[in-house]
Each structure stands twice: as structure tokens, then as C-alpha cells.
PDB file of N, CA and C in Angstrom:
ATOM      1  N   MET A   1       0.862  -1.166   0.016  1.00  0.00           N
ATOM      2  CA  MET A   1       0.000  -0.010   0.004  1.00  0.00           C
ATOM      3  C   MET A   1       0.868   1.195  -0.036  1.00  0.00           C
ATOM      4  N   ALA A   2       0.459   2.203  -0.748  1.00  0.00           N
ATOM      5  CA  ALA A   2       1.203   3.453  -0.800  1.00  0.00           C
ATOM      6  C   ALA A   2       1.087   4.258   0.472  1.00  0.00           C
ATOM      7  N   ASP A   3       2.217   4.892   0.923  1.00  0.00           N
ATOM      8  CA  ASP A   3       2.154   5.652   2.152  1.00  0.00           C
ATOM      9  C   ASP A   3       1.307   6.864   2.068  1.00  0.00           C
ATOM     10  N   ASP A   4       0.943   7.359   0.901  1.00  0.00           N
ATOM     11  CA  ASP A   4       0.150   8.549   0.733  1.00  0.00           C
ATOM     12  C   ASP A   4      -1.350   8.253   0.770  1.00  0.00           C
ATOM     13  N   LEU A   5      -1.764   7.067   0.983  1.00  0.00           N
ATOM     14  CA  LEU A   5      -3.196   6.704   0.985  1.00  0.00           C
ATOM     15  C   LEU A   5      -3.767   7.024   2.351  1.00  0.00           C
ATOM     16  N   PRO A   6      -4.790   7.914   2.397  1.00  0.00           N
ATOM     17  CA  PRO A   6      -5.428   8.192   3.721  1.00  0.00           C
ATOM     18  C   PRO A   6      -6.271   6.991   4.174  1.00  0.00           C
ATOM     19  N   LEU A   7      -6.072   6.613   5.397  1.00  0.00           N
ATOM     20  CA  LEU A   7      -6.848   5.458   5.914  1.00  0.00           C
ATOM     21  C   LEU A   7      -8.215   5.880   6.427  1.00  0.00           C
ATOM     22  N   VAL A   8      -8.363   7.077   6.831  1.00  0.00           N
ATOM     23  CA  VAL A   8      -9.629   7.618   7.364  1.00  0.00           C
ATOM     24  C   VAL A   8     -10.035   8.813   6.525  1.00  0.00           C
ATOM     25  N   ARG A   9     -11.246   8.880   6.139  1.00  0.00           N
ATOM     26  CA  ARG A   9     -11.704   9.989   5.325  1.00  0.00           C
ATOM     27  C   ARG A   9     -13.142  10.330   5.670  1.00  0.00           C
ATOM     28  N   THR A  10     -13.429  11.615   5.766  1.00  0.00           N
ATOM     29  CA  THR A  10     -14.841  12.062   5.929  1.00  0.00           C
ATOM     30  C   THR A  10     -15.343  12.593   4.574  1.00  0.00           C
ATOM     31  N   PHE A  11     -16.630  12.533   4.459  1.00  0.00           N
ATOM     32  CA  PHE A  11     -17.274  12.940   3.211  1.00  0.00           C
ATOM     33  C   PHE A  11     -18.340  14.021   3.450  1.00  0.00           C
ATOM     34  N   GLU A  12     -18.507  14.862   2.427  1.00  0.00           N
ATOM     35  CA  GLU A  12     -19.669  15.769   2.396  1.00  0.00           C
ATOM     36  C   GLU A  12     -20.700  15.086   1.539  1.00  0.00           C
ATOM     37  N   SER A  13     -21.429  14.131   2.147  1.00  0.00           N
ATOM     38  CA  SER A  13     -22.325  13.246   1.382  1.00  0.00           C
ATOM     39  C   SER A  13     -23.588  13.118   2.165  1.00  0.00           C
ATOM     40  N   SER A  14     -24.702  12.934   1.479  1.00  0.00           N
ATOM     41  CA  SER A  14     -25.969  12.737   2.190  1.00  0.00           C
ATOM     42  C   SER A  14     -26.103  11.274   2.739  1.00  0.00           C
ATOM     43  N   ALA A  15     -25.227  10.410   2.259  1.00  0.00           N
ATOM     44  CA  ALA A  15     -25.333   9.020   2.669  1.00  0.00           C
ATOM     45  C   ALA A  15     -24.152   8.545   3.508  1.00  0.00           C
ATOM     46  N   VAL A  16     -22.918   8.871   3.101  1.00  0.00           N
ATOM     47  CA  VAL A  16     -21.752   8.383   3.732  1.00  0.00           C
ATOM     48  C   VAL A  16     -21.097   9.500   4.550  1.00  0.00           C
ATOM     49  N   ARG A  17     -20.832   9.228   5.829  1.00  0.00           N
ATOM     50  CA  ARG A  17     -20.205  10.257   6.679  1.00  0.00           C
ATOM     51  C   ARG A  17     -18.711  10.062   6.767  1.00  0.00           C
ATOM     52  N   ARG A  18     -18.250   8.767   6.992  1.00  0.00           N
ATOM     53  CA  ARG A  18     -16.820   8.578   7.238  1.00  0.00           C
ATOM     54  C   ARG A  18     -16.481   7.150   6.785  1.00  0.00           C
ATOM     55  N   VAL A  19     -15.262   6.953   6.406  1.00  0.00           N
ATOM     56  CA  VAL A  19     -14.741   5.632   6.062  1.00  0.00           C
ATOM     57  C   VAL A  19     -13.372   5.419   6.778  1.00  0.00           C
ATOM     58  N   HIS A  20     -13.109   4.192   7.051  1.00  0.00           N
ATOM     59  CA  HIS A  20     -11.797   3.796   7.591  1.00  0.00           C
ATOM     60  C   HIS A  20     -11.385   2.487   6.962  1.00  0.00           C
ATOM     61  N   TYR A  21     -10.241   2.525   6.292  1.00  0.00           N
ATOM     62  CA  TYR A  21      -9.750   1.382   5.569  1.00  0.00           C
ATOM     63  C   TYR A  21      -8.662   0.660   6.349  1.00  0.00           C
ATOM     64  N   HIS A  22      -8.719  -0.619   6.443  1.00  0.00           N
ATOM     65  CA  HIS A  22      -7.720  -1.453   7.157  1.00  0.00           C
ATOM     66  C   HIS A  22      -7.019  -2.295   6.075  1.00  0.00           C
ATOM     67  N   PRO A  23      -5.898  -1.800   5.554  1.00  0.00           N
ATOM     68  CA  PRO A  23      -5.261  -2.479   4.390  1.00  0.00           C
ATOM     69  C   PRO A  23      -4.825  -3.865   4.625  1.00  0.00           C
ATOM     70  N   ASP A  24      -4.295  -4.134   5.829  1.00  0.00           N
ATOM     71  CA  ASP A  24      -3.760  -5.512   6.079  1.00  0.00           C
ATOM     72  C   ASP A  24      -4.881  -6.569   6.076  1.00  0.00           C
ATOM     73  N   GLU A  25      -6.091  -6.142   6.404  1.00  0.00           N
ATOM     74  CA  GLU A  25      -7.199  -7.060   6.418  1.00  0.00           C
ATOM     75  C   GLU A  25      -8.141  -6.879   5.240  1.00  0.00           C
ATOM     76  N   GLU A  26      -7.868  -5.859   4.443  1.00  0.00           N
ATOM     77  CA  GLU A  26      -8.769  -5.456   3.298  1.00  0.00           C
ATOM     78  C   GLU A  26     -10.197  -5.282   3.853  1.00  0.00           C
ATOM     79  N   MET A  27     -10.299  -4.568   4.952  1.00  0.00           N
ATOM     80  CA  MET A  27     -11.627  -4.340   5.538  1.00  0.00           C
ATOM     81  C   MET A  27     -11.884  -2.797   5.487  1.00  0.00           C
ATOM     82  N   LEU A  28     -13.155  -2.479   5.099  1.00  0.00           N
ATOM     83  CA  LEU A  28     -13.545  -1.130   5.012  1.00  0.00           C
ATOM     84  C   LEU A  28     -14.739  -0.882   5.926  1.00  0.00           C
ATOM     85  N   ASP A  29     -14.544   0.072   6.860  1.00  0.00           N
ATOM     86  CA  ASP A  29     -15.653   0.444   7.750  1.00  0.00           C
ATOM     87  C   ASP A  29     -16.292   1.696   7.181  1.00  0.00           C
ATOM     88  N   ILE A  30     -17.582   1.701   7.072  1.00  0.00           N
ATOM     89  CA  ILE A  30     -18.290   2.865   6.567  1.00  0.00           C
ATOM     90  C   ILE A  30     -19.329   3.269   7.576  1.00  0.00           C
ATOM     91  N   TRP A  31     -19.304   4.590   7.972  1.00  0.00           N
ATOM     92  CA  TRP A  31     -20.320   5.147   8.846  1.00  0.00           C
ATOM     93  C   TRP A  31     -21.291   5.899   7.956  1.00  0.00           C
ATOM     94  N   TYR A  32     -22.583   5.519   8.075  1.00  0.00           N
ATOM     95  CA  TYR A  32     -23.597   6.158   7.256  1.00  0.00           C
ATOM     96  C   TYR A  32     -24.240   7.318   7.983  1.00  0.00           C
ATOM     97  N   ALA A  33     -24.913   8.141   7.230  1.00  0.00           N
ATOM     98  CA  ALA A  33     -25.590   9.354   7.741  1.00  0.00           C
ATOM     99  C   ALA A  33     -26.571   8.997   8.852  1.00  0.00           C
ATOM    100  N   GLY A  34     -27.197   7.867   8.749  1.00  0.00           N
ATOM    101  CA  GLY A  34     -28.197   7.440   9.798  1.00  0.00           C
ATOM    102  C   GLY A  34     -27.514   6.985  11.085  1.00  0.00           C
ATOM    103  N   GLY A  35     -26.202   6.894  11.062  1.00  0.00           N
ATOM    104  CA  GLY A  35     -25.477   6.519  12.301  1.00  0.00           C
ATOM    105  C   GLY A  35     -24.941   5.111  12.376  1.00  0.00           C
ATOM    106  N   ASP A  36     -25.385   4.248  11.477  1.00  0.00           N
ATOM    107  CA  ASP A  36     -24.920   2.823  11.420  1.00  0.00           C
ATOM    108  C   ASP A  36     -23.525   2.748  10.902  1.00  0.00           C
ATOM    109  N   ARG A  37     -22.745   1.802  11.391  1.00  0.00           N
ATOM    110  CA  ARG A  37     -21.450   1.488  10.824  1.00  0.00           C
ATOM    111  C   ARG A  37     -21.449   0.057  10.342  1.00  0.00           C
ATOM    112  N   TYR A  38     -21.057  -0.109   9.091  1.00  0.00           N
ATOM    113  CA  TYR A  38     -20.878  -1.379   8.457  1.00  0.00           C
ATOM    114  C   TYR A  38     -19.431  -1.681   8.172  1.00  0.00           C
ATOM    115  N   SER A  39     -19.056  -2.894   8.349  1.00  0.00           N
ATOM    116  CA  SER A  39     -17.721  -3.399   7.950  1.00  0.00           C
ATOM    117  C   SER A  39     -17.902  -4.219   6.694  1.00  0.00           C
ATOM    118  N   TYR A  40     -17.111  -3.929   5.695  1.00  0.00           N
ATOM    119  CA  TYR A  40     -17.095  -4.726   4.394  1.00  0.00           C
ATOM    120  C   TYR A  40     -15.771  -5.415   4.334  1.00  0.00           C
ATOM    121  N   PHE A  41     -15.795  -6.687   3.946  1.00  0.00           N
ATOM    122  CA  PHE A  41     -14.622  -7.545   3.976  1.00  0.00           C
ATOM    123  C   PHE A  41     -14.156  -7.905   2.604  1.00  0.00           C
ATOM    124  N   GLY A  42     -12.808  -8.006   2.438  1.00  0.00           N
ATOM    125  CA  GLY A  42     -12.198  -8.395   1.135  1.00  0.00           C
ATOM    126  C   GLY A  42     -12.201  -7.246   0.159  1.00  0.00           C
ATOM    127  N   VAL A  43     -12.233  -6.003   0.646  1.00  0.00           N
ATOM    128  CA  VAL A  43     -12.204  -4.830  -0.276  1.00  0.00           C
ATOM    129  C   VAL A  43     -10.756  -4.526  -0.603  1.00  0.00           C
ATOM    130  N   PRO A  44     -10.394  -4.621  -1.881  1.00  0.00           N
ATOM    131  CA  PRO A  44      -9.019  -4.351  -2.279  1.00  0.00           C
ATOM    132  C   PRO A  44      -8.715  -2.838  -2.260  1.00  0.00           C
ATOM    133  N   GLU A  45      -7.452  -2.534  -2.184  1.00  0.00           N
ATOM    134  CA  GLU A  45      -7.009  -1.146  -2.145  1.00  0.00           C
ATOM    135  C   GLU A  45      -7.515  -0.382  -3.339  1.00  0.00           C
ATOM    136  N   GLU A  46      -7.544  -0.982  -4.511  1.00  0.00           N
ATOM    137  CA  GLU A  46      -8.005  -0.297  -5.716  1.00  0.00           C
ATOM    138  C   GLU A  46      -9.448   0.214  -5.615  1.00  0.00           C
ATOM    139  N   VAL A  47     -10.297  -0.654  -4.972  1.00  0.00           N
ATOM    140  CA  VAL A  47     -11.692  -0.240  -4.808  1.00  0.00           C
ATOM    141  C   VAL A  47     -11.758   0.931  -3.788  1.00  0.00           C
ATOM    142  N   TYR A  48     -10.964   0.862  -2.720  1.00  0.00           N
ATOM    143  CA  TYR A  48     -11.000   1.941  -1.782  1.00  0.00           C
ATOM    144  C   TYR A  48     -10.494   3.263  -2.424  1.00  0.00           C
ATOM    145  N   ARG A  49      -9.441   3.183  -3.227  1.00  0.00           N
ATOM    146  CA  ARG A  49      -8.973   4.356  -3.929  1.00  0.00           C
ATOM    147  C   ARG A  49     -10.069   4.935  -4.887  1.00  0.00           C
ATOM    148  N   ALA A  50     -10.783   4.078  -5.514  1.00  0.00           N
ATOM    149  CA  ALA A  50     -11.875   4.479  -6.422  1.00  0.00           C
ATOM    150  C   ALA A  50     -12.969   5.177  -5.629  1.00  0.00           C
ATOM    151  N   LEU A  51     -13.240   4.674  -4.420  1.00  0.00           N
ATOM    152  CA  LEU A  51     -14.244   5.319  -3.556  1.00  0.00           C
ATOM    153  C   LEU A  51     -13.785   6.742  -3.240  1.00  0.00           C
ATOM    154  N   LEU A  52     -12.532   6.904  -2.863  1.00  0.00           N
ATOM    155  CA  LEU A  52     -12.037   8.228  -2.516  1.00  0.00           C
ATOM    156  C   LEU A  52     -12.122   9.185  -3.675  1.00  0.00           C
ATOM    157  N   ASP A  53     -12.009   8.703  -4.935  1.00  0.00           N
ATOM    158  CA  ASP A  53     -12.040   9.532  -6.143  1.00  0.00           C
ATOM    159  C   ASP A  53     -13.450   9.714  -6.700  1.00  0.00           C
ATOM    160  N   ALA A  54     -14.388   8.935  -6.169  1.00  0.00           N
ATOM    161  CA  ALA A  54     -15.753   8.918  -6.723  1.00  0.00           C
ATOM    162  C   ALA A  54     -16.414  10.294  -6.631  1.00  0.00           C
ATOM    163  N   GLU A  55     -17.180  10.645  -7.660  1.00  0.00           N
ATOM    164  CA  GLU A  55     -17.970  11.874  -7.672  1.00  0.00           C
ATOM    165  C   GLU A  55     -19.063  11.879  -6.597  1.00  0.00           C
ATOM    166  N   SER A  56     -19.631  10.620  -6.375  1.00  0.00           N
ATOM    167  CA  SER A  56     -20.637  10.445  -5.330  1.00  0.00           C
ATOM    168  C   SER A  56     -20.295   9.248  -4.512  1.00  0.00           C
ATOM    169  N   ALA A  57     -19.881   9.452  -3.297  1.00  0.00           N
ATOM    170  CA  ALA A  57     -19.528   8.320  -2.399  1.00  0.00           C
ATOM    171  C   ALA A  57     -20.737   7.351  -2.215  1.00  0.00           C
ATOM    172  N   GLY A  58     -21.894   7.943  -2.029  1.00  0.00           N
ATOM    173  CA  GLY A  58     -23.157   7.088  -1.827  1.00  0.00           C
ATOM    174  C   GLY A  58     -23.403   6.188  -2.986  1.00  0.00           C
ATOM    175  N   GLN A  59     -23.335   6.760  -4.202  1.00  0.00           N
ATOM    176  CA  GLN A  59     -23.629   5.937  -5.440  1.00  0.00           C
ATOM    177  C   GLN A  59     -22.527   4.904  -5.588  1.00  0.00           C
ATOM    178  N   PHE A  60     -21.298   5.210  -5.295  1.00  0.00           N
ATOM    179  CA  PHE A  60     -20.191   4.262  -5.482  1.00  0.00           C
ATOM    180  C   PHE A  60     -20.383   3.095  -4.530  1.00  0.00           C
ATOM    181  N   VAL A  61     -20.710   3.401  -3.287  1.00  0.00           N
ATOM    182  CA  VAL A  61     -20.961   2.368  -2.254  1.00  0.00           C
ATOM    183  C   VAL A  61     -22.147   1.486  -2.747  1.00  0.00           C
ATOM    184  N   ASN A  62     -23.244   2.086  -3.184  1.00  0.00           N
ATOM    185  CA  ASN A  62     -24.407   1.336  -3.560  1.00  0.00           C
ATOM    186  C   ASN A  62     -24.139   0.408  -4.761  1.00  0.00           C
ATOM    187  N   PHE A  63     -23.348   0.817  -5.693  1.00  0.00           N
ATOM    188  CA  PHE A  63     -23.195   0.076  -6.923  1.00  0.00           C
ATOM    189  C   PHE A  63     -21.906  -0.812  -7.000  1.00  0.00           C
ATOM    190  N   GLU A  64     -20.915  -0.390  -6.211  1.00  0.00           N
ATOM    191  CA  GLU A  64     -19.591  -1.092  -6.292  1.00  0.00           C
ATOM    192  C   GLU A  64     -19.205  -1.881  -5.057  1.00  0.00           C
ATOM    193  N   ILE A  65     -19.719  -1.458  -3.926  1.00  0.00           N
ATOM    194  CA  ILE A  65     -19.297  -2.138  -2.666  1.00  0.00           C
ATOM    195  C   ILE A  65     -20.373  -2.993  -2.078  1.00  0.00           C
ATOM    196  N   LYS A  66     -21.531  -2.473  -1.858  1.00  0.00           N
ATOM    197  CA  LYS A  66     -22.629  -3.246  -1.195  1.00  0.00           C
ATOM    198  C   LYS A  66     -22.914  -4.593  -1.992  1.00  0.00           C
ATOM    199  N   PRO A  67     -23.030  -4.557  -3.304  1.00  0.00           N
ATOM    200  CA  PRO A  67     -23.402  -5.850  -3.978  1.00  0.00           C
ATOM    201  C   PRO A  67     -22.241  -6.845  -4.126  1.00  0.00           C
ATOM    202  N   ASN A  68     -21.012  -6.377  -3.868  1.00  0.00           N
ATOM    203  CA  ASN A  68     -19.817  -7.211  -4.174  1.00  0.00           C
ATOM    204  C   ASN A  68     -19.042  -7.714  -3.003  1.00  0.00           C
ATOM    205  N   TYR A  69     -19.287  -7.230  -1.765  1.00  0.00           N
ATOM    206  CA  TYR A  69     -18.457  -7.586  -0.658  1.00  0.00           C
ATOM    207  C   TYR A  69     -19.336  -7.966   0.541  1.00  0.00           C
ATOM    208  N   ARG A  70     -18.847  -9.014   1.223  1.00  0.00           N
ATOM    209  CA  ARG A  70     -19.517  -9.441   2.474  1.00  0.00           C
ATOM    210  C   ARG A  70     -19.468  -8.337   3.436  1.00  0.00           C
ATOM    211  N   TYR A  71     -20.542  -8.201   4.246  1.00  0.00           N
ATOM    212  CA  TYR A  71     -20.561  -7.083   5.207  1.00  0.00           C
ATOM    213  C   TYR A  71     -21.194  -7.505   6.544  1.00  0.00           C
ATOM    214  N   GLU A  72     -20.995  -6.729   7.551  1.00  0.00           N
ATOM    215  CA  GLU A  72     -21.607  -6.941   8.841  1.00  0.00           C
ATOM    216  C   GLU A  72     -21.877  -5.600   9.476  1.00  0.00           C
ATOM    217  N   LEU A  73     -23.056  -5.479  10.051  1.00  0.00           N
ATOM    218  CA  LEU A  73     -23.417  -4.322  10.831  1.00  0.00           C
ATOM    219  C   LEU A  73     -22.628  -4.331  12.160  1.00  0.00           C
ATOM    220  N   GLU A  74     -22.262  -3.146  12.553  1.00  0.00           N
ATOM    221  CA  GLU A  74     -21.469  -3.008  13.784  1.00  0.00           C
ATOM    222  C   GLU A  74     -22.122  -3.904  14.866  1.00  0.00           C
ATOM    223  N   PRO A  75     -21.274  -4.747  15.497  1.00  0.00           N
ATOM    224  CA  PRO A  75     -21.847  -5.731  16.400  1.00  0.00           C
ATOM    225  C   PRO A  75     -22.776  -5.204  17.446  1.00  0.00           C
ATOM    226  N   GLY A  76     -22.506  -4.111  18.063  1.00  0.00           N
ATOM    227  CA  GLY A  76     -23.321  -3.511  19.082  1.00  0.00           C
ATOM    228  C   GLY A  76     -24.632  -2.992  18.593  1.00  0.00           C
ATOM    229  N   ARG A  77     -24.814  -2.889  17.309  1.00  0.00           N
ATOM    230  CA  ARG A  77     -26.062  -2.298  16.746  1.00  0.00           C
ATOM    231  C   ARG A  77     -26.755  -3.268  15.802  1.00  0.00           C
ATOM    232  N   ARG A  78     -26.540  -4.575  15.950  1.00  0.00           N
ATOM    233  CA  ARG A  78     -27.212  -5.511  15.163  1.00  0.00           C
ATOM    234  C   ARG A  78     -28.720  -5.404  15.248  1.00  0.00           C
ATOM    235  N   ARG A  79     -29.381  -5.605  14.153  1.00  0.00           N
ATOM    236  CA  ARG A  79     -30.824  -5.550  14.179  1.00  0.00           C
ATOM    237  C   ARG A  79     -31.327  -7.015  13.916  1.00  0.00           C
ATOM    238  N   PHE A  80     -32.384  -7.366  14.644  1.00  0.00           N
ATOM    239  CA  PHE A  80     -32.966  -8.661  14.485  1.00  0.00           C
ATOM    240  C   PHE A  80     -34.394  -8.546  14.015  1.00  0.00           C
ATOM    241  N   ARG A  81     -34.738  -9.419  13.129  1.00  0.00           N
ATOM    242  CA  ARG A  81     -36.141  -9.438  12.674  1.00  0.00           C
ATOM    243  C   ARG A  81     -36.919 -10.344  13.567  1.00  0.00           C
ATOM    244  N   PRO A  82     -38.173  -9.975  13.858  1.00  0.00           N
ATOM    245  CA  PRO A  82     -38.980 -10.897  14.643  1.00  0.00           C
ATOM    246  C   PRO A  82     -39.289 -12.180  13.884  1.00  0.00           C
ATOM    247  N   ASP A  83     -39.398 -13.276  14.634  1.00  0.00           N
ATOM    248  CA  ASP A  83     -39.724 -14.547  13.948  1.00  0.00           C
ATOM    249  C   ASP A  83     -41.138 -14.620  13.569  1.00  0.00           C
TER     250      ASP A  83
END
């Protein structure tokens, strides 16, 4: 990974507030405007770089990250559906 890559970034976005990339684990944490934090697994550095360069962080996440990477809601905020 390049030393100039920011690991934490905030956004002026209606959907995405902040991201934190963990390069050794290829894990991307995303904090959404609603307050939830999701962790996405197996996200390569190239995808993270593309997110940083995207015109719309929210659209990039919706079309390039959500459908392609396994994710988990922050453990303390898990939601359960009634049976």
C-alpha cells in the first residue's frame, strides 16, 4: 500500500459520513448518515482508492461495494427481525 493513501476520510455526502480502511485485512468500515457502521470484507485497495475519487460516495458504495463484498453491521447495533 502506498504511504500517501489516507486510511480515514470524511465525506460531504448525504449518505456516507466517514470511512476507515484497514489495508492488512482489506476491511472497509463505513459510517452512514443514519449513524450505522458497516464493515465490508475483502475490499481491495484499488476499490478503496476508487471510492475516494468517486464523484458520489453514496452511489459508489451502492453500486460497487454493497453488492460485491460481504458485510456486517457493527456488532453492538445488530438488528434482529422478529420470527
